[in-house]
Amino acid sequence: MSRMEDLDAELRLQQDQQRARIAAEGGMTEDDLYMRGGKLAAMFCIGFAFLLPSLLLWRVVF
C-alpha cells in the first residue's frame, strides 16, 4: 500500500473511533439517520397518543 492509502485508512479509523465515542456517550453522530428517524417516529407516536383522545372527544361531543 502506498503512503496515501495508509493515511486514508488511518483517517477513517480515527473518524470511526470518534463516532463510536460519541455514540457511547449518548450523543448522536452527524450522519446517523437511523437514530434521528427513530427519535422522530417515537415523538410522532407520543404526540398521536396524546392527540387522539382529544380528537375522539371532539368528534363525539360536538
Protein backbone atom coordinates (compact mmCIF):
# COMPACT_ATOMS: atom_id res chain seq x y z
CA MET A 1 0.00 0.00 0.00
CA SER A 2 1.12 3.49 -0.68
CA ARG A 3 1.59 6.13 1.97
CA MET A 4 -1.58 7.94 0.82
CA GLU A 5 -3.69 4.80 1.29
CA ASP A 6 -2.21 4.34 4.76
CA LEU A 7 -3.15 7.90 5.67
CA ASP A 8 -6.69 7.44 4.32
CA ALA A 9 -7.11 4.23 6.31
CA GLU A 10 -5.82 5.91 9.46
CA LEU A 11 -8.16 8.87 8.97
CA ARG A 12 -11.16 6.54 8.52
CA LEU A 13 -10.17 4.65 11.66
CA GLN A 14 -9.96 7.87 13.67
CA GLN A 15 -13.36 9.02 12.38
CA ASP A 16 -14.92 5.67 13.25
CA GLN A 17 -13.42 5.81 16.74
CA GLN A 18 -14.77 9.32 17.24
CA ARG A 19 -18.26 8.28 16.11
CA ALA A 20 -18.15 5.29 18.47
CA ARG A 21 -17.07 7.52 21.36
CA ILE A 22 -19.89 9.99 20.72
CA ALA A 23 -22.43 7.19 20.41
CA ALA A 24 -21.19 5.62 23.65
CA GLU A 25 -21.64 8.95 25.43
CA GLY A 26 -25.26 9.03 24.33
CA GLY A 27 -24.97 11.66 21.64
CA MET A 28 -25.99 11.31 18.05
CA THR A 29 -23.40 11.37 15.30
CA GLU A 30 -23.89 13.71 12.37
CA ASP A 31 -24.63 11.03 9.81
CA ASP A 32 -26.67 8.59 11.88
CA LEU A 33 -30.06 8.83 10.20
CA TYR A 34 -31.43 5.76 11.94
CA MET A 35 -31.21 7.39 15.36
CA ARG A 36 -32.80 10.59 14.09
CA GLY A 37 -35.54 8.64 12.33
CA GLY A 38 -36.22 6.57 15.42
CA LYS A 39 -36.48 9.63 17.62
CA LEU A 40 -38.80 11.32 15.13
CA ALA A 41 -41.02 8.24 14.94
CA ALA A 42 -41.18 7.99 18.74
CA MET A 43 -42.13 11.66 19.05
CA PHE A 44 -44.84 11.23 16.40
CA CYS A 45 -46.31 8.21 18.22
CA ILE A 46 -46.29 10.02 21.57
CA GLY A 47 -47.92 13.09 20.05
CA PHE A 48 -50.55 11.00 18.29
CA ALA A 49 -51.31 9.11 21.51
CA PHE A 50 -51.95 12.41 23.31
CA LEU A 51 -53.92 13.95 20.45
CA LEU A 52 -56.19 11.01 19.61
CA PRO A 53 -58.39 11.09 22.77
CA SER A 54 -58.97 14.81 22.30
CA LEU A 55 -59.99 14.33 18.68
CA LEU A 56 -62.33 11.49 19.58
CA LEU A 57 -63.89 13.57 22.34
CA TRP A 58 -64.49 16.47 19.95
CA ARG A 59 -65.98 14.06 17.41
CA VAL A 60 -68.45 12.55 19.92
CA VAL A 61 -69.39 15.66 21.88
CA PHE A 62 -69.66 18.23 19.09
